[in-house]
């Protein structure tokens, strides 16, 4: 059973990595299609104004850390309860 669980975990990791590559690679292969009539010259520059401020980045990082710790504690407690339950029933 451990072998099957390990293989499924590896497959899930590889699947997640492939999904991440597929999602992010679409922007890498994007290109501008010239308008009809063949526009000449450089494309118009786009100025991006704004973005995420430092406090928003800190808030997102804090939320991610809290969520990760919550998931880790839940998984640990679940695993410990399963171990205790199987030891008492044997």
N, C-alpha and C. Protein backbone atom coordinates (compact mmCIF):
# COMPACT_ATOMS: atom_id res chain seq x y z
N UNK A 1 0.83 -1.19 0.00
CA UNK A 1 0.00 0.00 0.00
C UNK A 1 0.87 1.25 0.00
N UNK A 2 2.02 1.20 0.70
CA UNK A 2 2.90 2.36 0.73
C UNK A 2 3.42 2.68 -0.66
N UNK A 3 3.71 1.63 -1.42
CA UNK A 3 4.25 1.83 -2.76
C UNK A 3 3.22 2.53 -3.66
N UNK A 4 1.97 2.12 -3.58
CA UNK A 4 0.92 2.74 -4.39
C UNK A 4 0.75 4.20 -4.00
N UNK A 5 0.75 4.47 -2.71
CA UNK A 5 0.60 5.85 -2.23
C UNK A 5 1.76 6.71 -2.70
N UNK A 6 2.96 6.17 -2.66
CA UNK A 6 4.13 6.92 -3.10
C UNK A 6 4.06 7.19 -4.60
N UNK A 7 3.67 6.20 -5.38
CA UNK A 7 3.56 6.38 -6.83
C UNK A 7 2.50 7.41 -7.15
N UNK A 8 1.36 7.35 -6.46
CA UNK A 8 0.31 8.34 -6.70
C UNK A 8 0.76 9.75 -6.32
N UNK A 9 1.54 9.87 -5.25
CA UNK A 9 2.08 11.17 -4.87
C UNK A 9 3.03 11.72 -5.91
N UNK A 10 3.87 10.85 -6.46
CA UNK A 10 4.80 11.29 -7.51
C UNK A 10 4.03 11.71 -8.75
N UNK A 11 3.02 10.93 -9.13
CA UNK A 11 2.22 11.28 -10.31
C UNK A 11 1.48 12.60 -10.10
N UNK A 12 0.99 12.84 -8.90
CA UNK A 12 0.31 14.10 -8.62
C UNK A 12 1.29 15.27 -8.72
N UNK A 13 2.50 15.09 -8.22
CA UNK A 13 3.51 16.14 -8.32
C UNK A 13 3.90 16.44 -9.75
N UNK A 14 4.10 15.39 -10.54
CA UNK A 14 4.45 15.58 -11.95
C UNK A 14 3.28 16.24 -12.70
N UNK A 15 2.06 15.82 -12.40
CA UNK A 15 0.90 16.42 -13.03
C UNK A 15 0.76 17.90 -12.68
N UNK A 16 1.01 18.24 -11.43
CA UNK A 16 0.95 19.64 -11.03
C UNK A 16 2.02 20.47 -11.70
N UNK A 17 3.22 19.89 -11.83
CA UNK A 17 4.30 20.61 -12.52
C UNK A 17 3.97 20.84 -13.98
N UNK A 18 3.43 19.82 -14.64
CA UNK A 18 3.04 19.97 -16.05
C UNK A 18 1.93 21.00 -16.21
N UNK A 19 0.98 20.99 -15.30
CA UNK A 19 -0.09 21.98 -15.36
C UNK A 19 0.46 23.39 -15.20
N UNK A 20 1.40 23.57 -14.28
CA UNK A 20 2.02 24.87 -14.10
C UNK A 20 2.78 25.32 -15.33
N UNK A 21 3.48 24.39 -15.97
CA UNK A 21 4.22 24.73 -17.19
C UNK A 21 3.26 25.12 -18.30
N UNK A 22 2.17 24.38 -18.44
CA UNK A 22 1.20 24.70 -19.50
C UNK A 22 0.55 26.05 -19.27
N UNK A 23 0.24 26.37 -18.04
CA UNK A 23 -0.43 27.64 -17.76
C UNK A 23 0.51 28.82 -17.99
N UNK A 24 1.75 28.69 -17.60
CA UNK A 24 2.67 29.83 -17.72
C UNK A 24 3.34 29.93 -19.08
N UNK A 25 3.39 28.84 -19.84
CA UNK A 25 4.10 28.90 -21.12
C UNK A 25 3.29 29.57 -22.21
N UNK A 26 1.99 29.70 -22.04
CA UNK A 26 1.19 30.32 -23.09
C UNK A 26 1.60 31.77 -23.31
N UNK A 27 1.98 32.47 -22.27
CA UNK A 27 2.43 33.85 -22.42
C UNK A 27 3.80 33.93 -23.08
N UNK A 28 4.61 32.91 -22.92
CA UNK A 28 5.94 32.92 -23.51
C UNK A 28 5.89 32.79 -25.02
N UNK A 29 4.87 32.13 -25.54
CA UNK A 29 4.77 31.92 -26.98
C UNK A 29 3.83 32.92 -27.66
N UNK A 30 3.38 33.91 -26.94
CA UNK A 30 2.47 34.90 -27.52
C UNK A 30 3.25 35.84 -28.42
N UNK A 31 2.59 36.30 -29.47
CA UNK A 31 3.20 37.28 -30.36
C UNK A 31 2.12 38.21 -30.88
N UNK A 32 2.55 39.35 -31.35
CA UNK A 32 1.61 40.35 -31.86
C UNK A 32 1.30 40.07 -33.30
N UNK A 33 0.03 40.06 -33.64
CA UNK A 33 -0.39 39.88 -35.01
C UNK A 33 -0.52 41.27 -35.61
N UNK A 34 0.18 41.53 -36.74
CA UNK A 34 0.08 42.87 -37.33
C UNK A 34 -1.32 43.13 -37.87
N UNK A 35 -1.73 44.38 -37.77
CA UNK A 35 -3.05 44.76 -38.25
C UNK A 35 -3.10 44.66 -39.77
N UNK A 36 -4.30 44.62 -40.31
CA UNK A 36 -4.44 44.58 -41.77
C UNK A 36 -3.88 45.86 -42.36
N UNK A 37 -3.26 45.72 -43.48
CA UNK A 37 -2.67 46.90 -44.10
C UNK A 37 -1.20 47.00 -43.76
N UNK A 38 -0.70 46.13 -42.89
CA UNK A 38 0.72 46.09 -42.57
C UNK A 38 1.23 47.35 -41.91
N UNK A 39 0.93 47.54 -40.66
CA UNK A 39 1.41 48.71 -39.93
C UNK A 39 2.93 48.66 -39.84
N UNK A 40 3.57 49.79 -40.08
CA UNK A 40 5.02 49.83 -40.01
C UNK A 40 5.46 50.57 -38.77
N UNK A 41 6.69 50.36 -38.42
CA UNK A 41 7.24 51.06 -37.26
C UNK A 41 7.12 50.21 -36.01
N UNK A 42 7.71 50.71 -34.93
CA UNK A 42 7.68 49.95 -33.68
C UNK A 42 6.28 49.95 -33.08
N UNK A 43 5.96 48.91 -32.31
CA UNK A 43 4.65 48.89 -31.66
C UNK A 43 4.55 49.99 -30.61
N UNK A 44 3.36 50.49 -30.35
CA UNK A 44 3.22 51.54 -29.35
C UNK A 44 3.63 51.04 -27.97
N UNK A 45 4.31 51.90 -27.24
CA UNK A 45 4.75 51.50 -25.91
C UNK A 45 3.59 51.59 -24.93
N UNK A 46 3.59 50.70 -23.99
CA UNK A 46 2.55 50.66 -22.98
C UNK A 46 3.21 50.92 -21.63
N UNK A 47 2.71 51.89 -20.94
CA UNK A 47 3.24 52.21 -19.62
C UNK A 47 2.30 51.60 -18.59
N UNK A 48 2.85 50.74 -17.78
CA UNK A 48 2.06 50.10 -16.74
C UNK A 48 2.24 50.91 -15.47
N UNK A 49 1.16 51.40 -14.95
CA UNK A 49 1.21 52.22 -13.75
C UNK A 49 0.49 51.48 -12.63
N UNK A 50 1.11 51.42 -11.51
CA UNK A 50 0.47 50.77 -10.38
C UNK A 50 1.19 49.49 -10.01
N UNK A 51 0.45 48.54 -9.50
CA UNK A 51 1.03 47.28 -9.08
C UNK A 51 0.59 46.97 -7.66
N UNK A 52 1.24 46.01 -7.10
CA UNK A 52 0.91 45.57 -5.75
C UNK A 52 1.86 46.28 -4.79
N UNK A 53 1.28 46.90 -3.79
CA UNK A 53 2.10 47.61 -2.81
C UNK A 53 2.71 46.63 -1.81
N UNK A 54 3.67 47.10 -1.05
CA UNK A 54 4.42 46.23 -0.13
C UNK A 54 3.51 45.62 0.94
N UNK A 55 2.57 46.39 1.46
CA UNK A 55 1.72 45.84 2.50
C UNK A 55 0.81 44.76 1.95
N UNK A 56 0.43 44.86 0.67
CA UNK A 56 -0.39 43.80 0.08
C UNK A 56 0.42 42.52 -0.11
N UNK A 57 1.67 42.68 -0.50
CA UNK A 57 2.55 41.52 -0.65
C UNK A 57 2.74 40.84 0.70
N UNK A 58 2.96 41.63 1.74
CA UNK A 58 3.13 41.08 3.08
C UNK A 58 1.87 40.37 3.55
N UNK A 59 0.72 40.93 3.25
CA UNK A 59 -0.55 40.31 3.64
C UNK A 59 -0.77 38.98 2.91
N UNK A 60 -0.44 38.94 1.63
CA UNK A 60 -0.56 37.70 0.86
C UNK A 60 0.39 36.64 1.41
N UNK A 61 1.62 37.03 1.71
CA UNK A 61 2.60 36.08 2.25
C UNK A 61 2.16 35.56 3.61
N UNK A 62 1.61 36.43 4.45
CA UNK A 62 1.12 36.01 5.75
C UNK A 62 -0.03 35.03 5.60
N UNK A 63 -0.96 35.32 4.71
CA UNK A 63 -2.08 34.42 4.47
C UNK A 63 -1.62 33.07 3.96
N UNK A 64 -0.65 33.06 3.06
CA UNK A 64 -0.13 31.79 2.53
C UNK A 64 0.57 30.99 3.63
N UNK A 65 1.32 31.67 4.48
CA UNK A 65 2.01 30.98 5.57
C UNK A 65 1.02 30.40 6.58
N UNK A 66 -0.01 31.16 6.91
CA UNK A 66 -1.03 30.65 7.84
C UNK A 66 -1.77 29.46 7.25
N UNK A 67 -2.10 29.53 5.97
CA UNK A 67 -2.80 28.43 5.32
C UNK A 67 -1.92 27.18 5.29
N UNK A 68 -0.64 27.35 4.95
CA UNK A 68 0.27 26.21 4.89
C UNK A 68 0.44 25.57 6.26
N UNK A 69 0.56 26.39 7.30
CA UNK A 69 0.70 25.83 8.65
C UNK A 69 -0.58 25.12 9.08
N UNK A 70 -1.73 25.66 8.73
CA UNK A 70 -3.00 25.02 9.06
C UNK A 70 -3.09 23.64 8.39
N UNK A 71 -2.74 23.57 7.12
CA UNK A 71 -2.80 22.30 6.40
C UNK A 71 -1.80 21.30 6.99
N UNK A 72 -0.61 21.77 7.35
CA UNK A 72 0.39 20.87 7.91
C UNK A 72 -0.05 20.32 9.26
N UNK A 73 -0.62 21.15 10.11
CA UNK A 73 -1.09 20.69 11.43
C UNK A 73 -2.23 19.71 11.26
N UNK A 74 -3.17 20.01 10.36
CA UNK A 74 -4.29 19.09 10.13
C UNK A 74 -3.81 17.73 9.63
N UNK A 75 -2.85 17.74 8.71
CA UNK A 75 -2.32 16.48 8.17
C UNK A 75 -1.60 15.70 9.26
N UNK A 76 -0.84 16.38 10.11
CA UNK A 76 -0.11 15.70 11.17
C UNK A 76 -1.07 15.09 12.19
N UNK A 77 -2.08 15.83 12.57
CA UNK A 77 -3.05 15.31 13.54
C UNK A 77 -3.84 14.15 12.95
N UNK A 78 -4.18 14.25 11.68
CA UNK A 78 -4.91 13.16 11.03
C UNK A 78 -4.06 11.91 10.97
N UNK A 79 -2.80 12.05 10.64
CA UNK A 79 -1.89 10.92 10.57
C UNK A 79 -1.69 10.30 11.96
N UNK A 80 -1.56 11.15 12.98
CA UNK A 80 -1.37 10.64 14.34
C UNK A 80 -2.61 9.91 14.82
N UNK A 81 -3.78 10.42 14.51
CA UNK A 81 -5.02 9.77 14.93
C UNK A 81 -5.18 8.43 14.22
N UNK A 82 -4.80 8.36 12.97
CA UNK A 82 -4.90 7.11 12.23
C UNK A 82 -3.94 6.07 12.80
N UNK A 83 -2.72 6.51 13.16
CA UNK A 83 -1.75 5.60 13.76
C UNK A 83 -2.24 5.08 15.11
N UNK A 84 -2.79 5.97 15.91
CA UNK A 84 -3.28 5.58 17.25
C UNK A 84 -4.46 4.64 17.11
N UNK A 85 -5.33 4.91 16.16
CA UNK A 85 -6.53 4.07 15.97
C UNK A 85 -6.13 2.67 15.49
N UNK A 86 -5.17 2.57 14.60
CA UNK A 86 -4.76 1.25 14.09
C UNK A 86 -3.98 0.48 15.16
N UNK A 87 -3.24 1.18 16.04
CA UNK A 87 -2.49 0.50 17.10
C UNK A 87 -3.43 -0.07 18.17
N UNK A 88 -4.50 0.62 18.48
CA UNK A 88 -5.42 0.13 19.50
C UNK A 88 -6.31 -0.99 18.99
N UNK A 89 -6.59 -1.01 17.69
CA UNK A 89 -7.47 -2.04 17.16
C UNK A 89 -6.72 -3.33 16.84
N UNK A 90 -5.39 -3.31 16.83
CA UNK A 90 -4.61 -4.51 16.48
C UNK A 90 -4.49 -5.48 17.60
